[in-house]
Amino acid sequence: MNIFFVFFSLFGFAILNAIIFFILCNKNINFKETLKLTILASALNKLFFTGSGYLASSYLYRDENITSSKIFTAFLFLEFFSVSFWIFLGIYFGAELVIRLPIILVLGVIGFSIMVWVKKNKFGLILKDFLIHFRNIGNRLFLIMPFVLLNMAVYAIYYFFLFRCFNFYLDVTGIIKIVAVSFTLGYLSFAPAGIGFKDTGLVLLLIGQGIALDGAIMFALADRLIVTFFWAGLGSLVGFDLIKEEFKKRFKREKY
């Protein structure tokens, strides 16, 4: 029964992502297409680098009511709202772990800071454009926030039931701490989908909660496989449809 709720939570996460994206697009795209785009984007982000899914989905969807650039901007805001609270909690709960961070991650943060300083004019324009679009969201922000918080709750529920599958019984604070810190380590890493960094952080955090090493490793491996195959399978179903529609559009343009 617990494994059923694990997958049910992932489906709920996918639907909530689509709802947030639908609101961000100001309802200029029907919900069915929204669901396809967000699922495909999430699948590609899990398999490759974060952002690759957003670029691909923005390119594949072409409609006169909304441009590809607006689709991509909506994806950027979806990403911002989806990760900002988790990263805030991850930094809050993981402050004492800073000295244990991999040296490559520390060097990466320093390198990124130097790059931002060197390219400060370009990053300044990007930030300015981001703030302009953020201001245009307006009252929709009040519609988005409940779904963002609910999305976080569903993400935590997924781990709650996955813990139960392994007979790990943690309190709510412990679950949120583990999810937030491991998510932050994975998100801020340079690896696709945080592979290696998120999993190692998850193992260490579980050991800190009194879980045996072999059990922690098995849990991290199961989490990685379930999430990857879930999004890969779901993304393949909707991705095939989008690619087929793209070929139809191109064929029609060539015909006329």
Protein backbone atom coordinates (compact mmCIF):
# COMPACT_ATOMS: atom_id res chain seq x y z
CA MET A 1 0.00 0.00 0.00
CA ASN A 2 2.84 2.40 0.80
CA ILE A 3 4.35 1.99 -2.68
CA PHE A 4 0.96 2.93 -4.16
CA PHE A 5 1.02 6.21 -2.26
CA VAL A 6 4.63 6.80 -3.38
CA PHE A 7 3.58 6.80 -7.04
CA PHE A 8 0.32 8.58 -6.26
CA SER A 9 2.37 11.40 -4.69
CA LEU A 10 4.55 11.66 -7.80
CA PHE A 11 1.45 11.97 -9.99
CA GLY A 12 0.14 14.64 -7.64
CA PHE A 13 3.46 16.48 -7.92
CA ALA A 14 3.19 16.39 -11.74
CA ILE A 15 -0.37 17.76 -11.70
CA LEU A 16 0.48 20.56 -9.26
CA ASN A 17 3.46 21.55 -11.42
CA ALA A 18 1.10 21.81 -14.39
CA ILE A 19 -1.38 23.94 -12.41
CA ILE A 20 1.34 26.40 -11.36
CA PHE A 21 2.63 26.59 -14.94
CA PHE A 22 -0.93 27.09 -16.23
CA ILE A 23 -1.38 30.09 -13.92
CA LEU A 24 2.05 31.49 -14.86
CA CYS A 25 1.05 31.36 -18.55
CA ASN A 26 -2.05 33.39 -17.64
CA LYS A 27 -4.26 30.61 -19.05
CA ASN A 28 -3.07 31.27 -22.62
CA ILE A 29 -2.51 27.55 -23.05
CA ASN A 30 -4.99 24.75 -22.33
CA PHE A 31 -4.34 22.58 -19.30
CA LYS A 32 -3.85 19.37 -21.29
CA GLU A 33 -0.94 20.94 -23.20
CA THR A 34 0.37 22.39 -19.95
CA LEU A 35 0.48 18.93 -18.42
CA LYS A 36 2.36 17.55 -21.43
CA LEU A 37 4.93 20.35 -21.42
CA THR A 38 5.68 20.24 -17.70
CA ILE A 39 5.95 16.43 -17.63
CA LEU A 40 8.32 16.38 -20.61
CA ALA A 41 10.39 19.20 -19.10
CA SER A 42 10.64 17.41 -15.75
CA ALA A 43 11.61 14.16 -17.44
CA LEU A 44 14.42 15.76 -19.44
CA ASN A 45 15.61 17.72 -16.41
CA LYS A 46 15.89 14.46 -14.46
CA LEU A 47 17.75 12.68 -17.26
CA PHE A 48 19.99 15.56 -18.31
CA PHE A 49 20.89 18.96 -16.89
CA THR A 50 18.30 21.21 -15.25
CA GLY A 51 17.06 23.61 -17.90
CA SER A 52 17.42 21.22 -20.83
CA GLY A 53 13.80 20.17 -20.41
CA TYR A 54 12.63 23.77 -20.34
CA LEU A 55 14.44 24.59 -23.58
CA ALA A 56 13.15 21.48 -25.36
CA SER A 57 9.54 21.93 -24.23
CA SER A 58 9.57 25.64 -25.10
CA TYR A 59 10.80 24.78 -28.59
CA LEU A 60 8.34 21.94 -29.18
CA TYR A 61 5.26 23.95 -28.24
CA ARG A 62 4.40 26.57 -30.83
CA ASP A 63 1.14 28.46 -30.77
CA GLU A 64 0.09 31.91 -31.93
CA ASN A 65 -1.43 32.68 -28.51
CA ILE A 66 1.88 32.42 -26.66
CA THR A 67 5.49 32.58 -27.88
CA SER A 68 8.30 30.16 -27.08
CA SER A 69 10.11 32.87 -25.11
CA LYS A 70 7.07 33.36 -22.87
CA ILE A 71 6.83 29.60 -22.36
CA PHE A 72 10.50 29.51 -21.35
CA THR A 73 10.03 32.48 -18.99
CA ALA A 74 7.10 30.69 -17.34
CA PHE A 75 9.34 27.64 -16.90
CA LEU A 76 12.00 29.78 -15.22
CA PHE A 77 9.44 31.08 -12.74
CA LEU A 78 8.14 27.55 -12.17
CA GLU A 79 11.69 26.49 -11.34
CA PHE A 80 12.18 29.53 -9.09
CA PHE A 81 9.01 28.90 -7.09
CA SER A 82 9.65 25.14 -6.94
CA VAL A 83 13.18 25.27 -5.55
CA SER A 84 13.55 28.54 -3.63
CA PHE A 85 11.72 27.42 -0.47
CA TRP A 86 13.48 24.03 -0.41
CA ILE A 87 16.88 25.70 -0.81
CA PHE A 88 16.04 28.17 1.97
CA LEU A 89 15.09 25.27 4.27
CA GLY A 90 18.13 23.29 3.12
CA ILE A 91 20.49 26.12 4.03
CA TYR A 92 18.67 26.65 7.33
CA PHE A 93 18.80 22.99 8.38
CA GLY A 94 22.18 22.29 6.83
CA ALA A 95 24.12 25.27 8.15
CA GLU A 96 26.10 23.02 10.49
CA LEU A 97 27.06 20.80 7.53
CA VAL A 98 28.81 23.58 5.57
CA ILE A 99 32.28 22.48 6.67
CA ARG A 100 31.54 18.97 5.36
CA LEU A 101 30.59 20.06 1.84
CA PRO A 102 32.70 18.52 -0.93
CA ILE A 103 35.61 20.82 -1.83
CA ILE A 104 34.57 20.71 -5.49
CA LEU A 105 31.20 22.24 -4.57
CA VAL A 106 32.87 25.02 -2.59
CA LEU A 107 35.23 25.74 -5.49
CA GLY A 108 32.27 25.70 -7.85
CA VAL A 109 30.43 28.33 -5.82
CA ILE A 110 33.56 30.51 -5.77
CA GLY A 111 34.01 30.06 -9.53
CA PHE A 112 30.37 30.94 -10.20
CA SER A 113 30.70 34.07 -8.04
CA ILE A 114 33.76 35.18 -10.03
CA MET A 115 31.91 34.57 -13.31
CA VAL A 116 28.95 36.65 -12.12
CA TRP A 117 31.31 39.49 -11.19
CA VAL A 118 33.12 39.40 -14.55
CA LYS A 119 29.83 39.24 -16.47
CA LYS A 120 27.98 41.53 -14.08
CA ASN A 121 26.50 43.66 -16.88
CA LYS A 122 24.98 40.66 -18.66
CA PHE A 123 23.72 39.14 -15.40
CA GLY A 124 22.33 42.57 -14.50
CA LEU A 125 20.24 42.59 -17.69
CA ILE A 126 19.01 39.05 -16.99
CA LEU A 127 18.03 40.05 -13.44
CA LYS A 128 16.29 43.18 -14.73
CA ASP A 129 14.29 41.14 -17.25
CA PHE A 130 13.43 38.61 -14.53
CA LEU A 131 12.11 41.37 -12.24
CA ILE A 132 10.03 42.87 -15.05
CA HIS A 133 8.36 39.53 -15.72
CA PHE A 134 7.96 38.98 -11.97
CA ARG A 135 6.12 42.30 -11.70
CA ASN A 136 3.86 41.27 -14.59
CA ILE A 137 2.72 38.21 -12.63
CA GLY A 138 0.81 40.60 -10.38
CA ASN A 139 -2.15 39.13 -8.57
CA ARG A 140 -1.42 35.67 -9.98
CA LEU A 141 1.25 35.35 -7.29
CA PHE A 142 -1.51 34.91 -4.69
CA LEU A 143 -2.99 32.12 -6.80
CA ILE A 144 0.37 30.42 -7.25
CA MET A 145 1.63 30.35 -3.66
CA PRO A 146 -0.96 27.89 -2.24
CA PHE A 147 -0.12 25.42 -5.02
CA VAL A 148 3.62 25.91 -4.45
CA LEU A 149 3.24 25.11 -0.75
CA LEU A 150 0.97 22.17 -1.56
CA ASN A 151 3.59 20.95 -4.04
CA MET A 152 6.21 21.00 -1.30
CA ALA A 153 3.86 19.08 0.99
CA VAL A 154 3.28 16.41 -1.70
CA TYR A 155 7.05 16.12 -2.23
CA ALA A 156 7.49 15.52 1.51
CA ILE A 157 4.59 13.03 1.49
CA TYR A 158 6.35 11.07 -1.26
CA TYR A 159 9.36 10.62 1.05
CA PHE A 160 7.13 9.86 4.04
CA PHE A 161 5.64 6.84 2.25
CA LEU A 162 8.97 5.82 0.73
CA PHE A 163 10.45 5.81 4.25
CA ARG A 164 7.56 3.59 5.34
CA CYS A 165 8.38 1.14 2.52
CA PHE A 166 11.77 0.66 4.19
CA ASN A 167 10.31 0.68 7.72
CA PHE A 168 12.01 3.99 8.52
CA TYR A 169 9.80 5.89 10.95
CA LEU A 170 10.93 9.52 11.17
CA ASP A 171 9.12 12.51 12.60
CA VAL A 172 7.91 15.36 10.37
CA THR A 173 10.85 17.63 11.23
CA GLY A 174 13.33 14.87 10.45
CA ILE A 175 11.70 14.20 7.07
CA ILE A 176 11.66 17.89 6.08
CA LYS A 177 15.28 18.29 7.17
CA ILE A 178 16.45 15.28 5.15
CA VAL A 179 14.45 16.28 2.07
CA ALA A 180 15.52 19.94 2.18
CA VAL A 181 19.24 19.39 2.77
CA SER A 182 19.63 16.51 0.28
CA PHE A 183 17.61 18.44 -2.32
CA THR A 184 19.79 21.54 -1.84
CA LEU A 185 23.03 19.56 -2.15
CA GLY A 186 21.78 17.95 -5.34
CA TYR A 187 20.37 21.12 -6.84
CA LEU A 188 23.51 23.19 -6.24
CA SER A 189 25.78 20.50 -7.66
CA PHE A 190 26.97 20.39 -11.27
CA ALA A 191 25.83 16.83 -11.88
CA PRO A 192 22.65 16.05 -13.89
CA ALA A 193 19.70 15.80 -11.47
CA GLY A 194 22.21 16.13 -8.62
CA ILE A 195 23.29 12.52 -9.07
CA GLY A 196 25.94 11.56 -6.53
CA PHE A 197 25.63 14.71 -4.45
CA LYS A 198 21.94 14.36 -3.53
CA ASP A 199 22.30 10.62 -2.97
CA THR A 200 25.40 10.94 -0.79
CA GLY A 201 23.76 13.68 1.25
CA LEU A 202 20.68 11.51 1.67
CA VAL A 203 22.74 8.57 2.90
CA LEU A 204 24.68 10.71 5.39
CA LEU A 205 21.51 12.34 6.71
CA LEU A 206 19.81 8.96 7.17
CA ILE A 207 22.84 7.64 9.04
CA GLY A 208 22.60 10.73 11.24
CA GLN A 209 19.03 9.66 12.05
CA GLY A 210 20.26 6.27 13.24
CA ILE A 211 19.66 4.32 10.01
CA ALA A 212 22.20 1.60 9.18
CA LEU A 213 24.58 2.27 6.28
CA ASP A 214 23.27 -0.55 4.06
CA GLY A 215 19.66 0.51 4.63
CA ALA A 216 20.49 4.15 3.86
CA ILE A 217 22.26 3.20 0.62
CA MET A 218 19.37 0.98 -0.48
CA PHE A 219 16.92 3.79 0.22
CA ALA A 220 18.94 6.35 -1.78
CA LEU A 221 19.23 3.90 -4.67
CA ALA A 222 15.49 3.15 -4.62
CA ASP A 223 14.68 6.87 -4.52
CA ARG A 224 16.92 7.54 -7.53
CA LEU A 225 15.50 4.63 -9.57
CA ILE A 226 11.84 5.34 -8.76
CA VAL A 227 12.05 9.04 -9.61
CA THR A 228 14.13 8.49 -12.76
CA PHE A 229 11.97 5.70 -14.20
CA PHE A 230 8.73 7.45 -13.24
CA TRP A 231 9.61 10.66 -15.08
CA ALA A 232 11.32 8.84 -17.95
CA GLY A 233 8.22 6.67 -18.50
CA LEU A 234 5.73 9.52 -18.17
CA GLY A 235 7.92 11.83 -20.26
CA SER A 236 8.18 9.22 -23.03
CA LEU A 237 4.39 8.97 -23.26
CA VAL A 238 3.76 12.70 -23.60
CA GLY A 239 7.02 13.43 -25.41
CA PHE A 240 6.17 11.10 -28.28
CA ASP A 241 2.89 12.97 -28.75
CA LEU A 242 4.57 16.39 -28.78
CA ILE A 243 7.28 15.30 -31.22
CA LYS A 244 4.61 13.76 -33.50
CA GLU A 245 2.66 17.04 -33.47
CA GLU A 246 5.85 18.97 -34.26
CA PHE A 247 6.44 16.80 -37.36
CA LYS A 248 2.83 17.37 -38.44
CA LYS A 249 3.23 21.15 -38.16
CA ARG A 250 6.46 21.11 -40.14
CA PHE A 251 4.93 18.87 -42.81
CA LYS A 252 1.96 21.21 -43.22
CA ARG A 253 4.22 24.24 -43.58
CA GLU A 254 6.28 22.48 -46.26
CA LYS A 255 3.12 21.38 -48.07
CA TYR A 256 1.77 24.89 -48.36
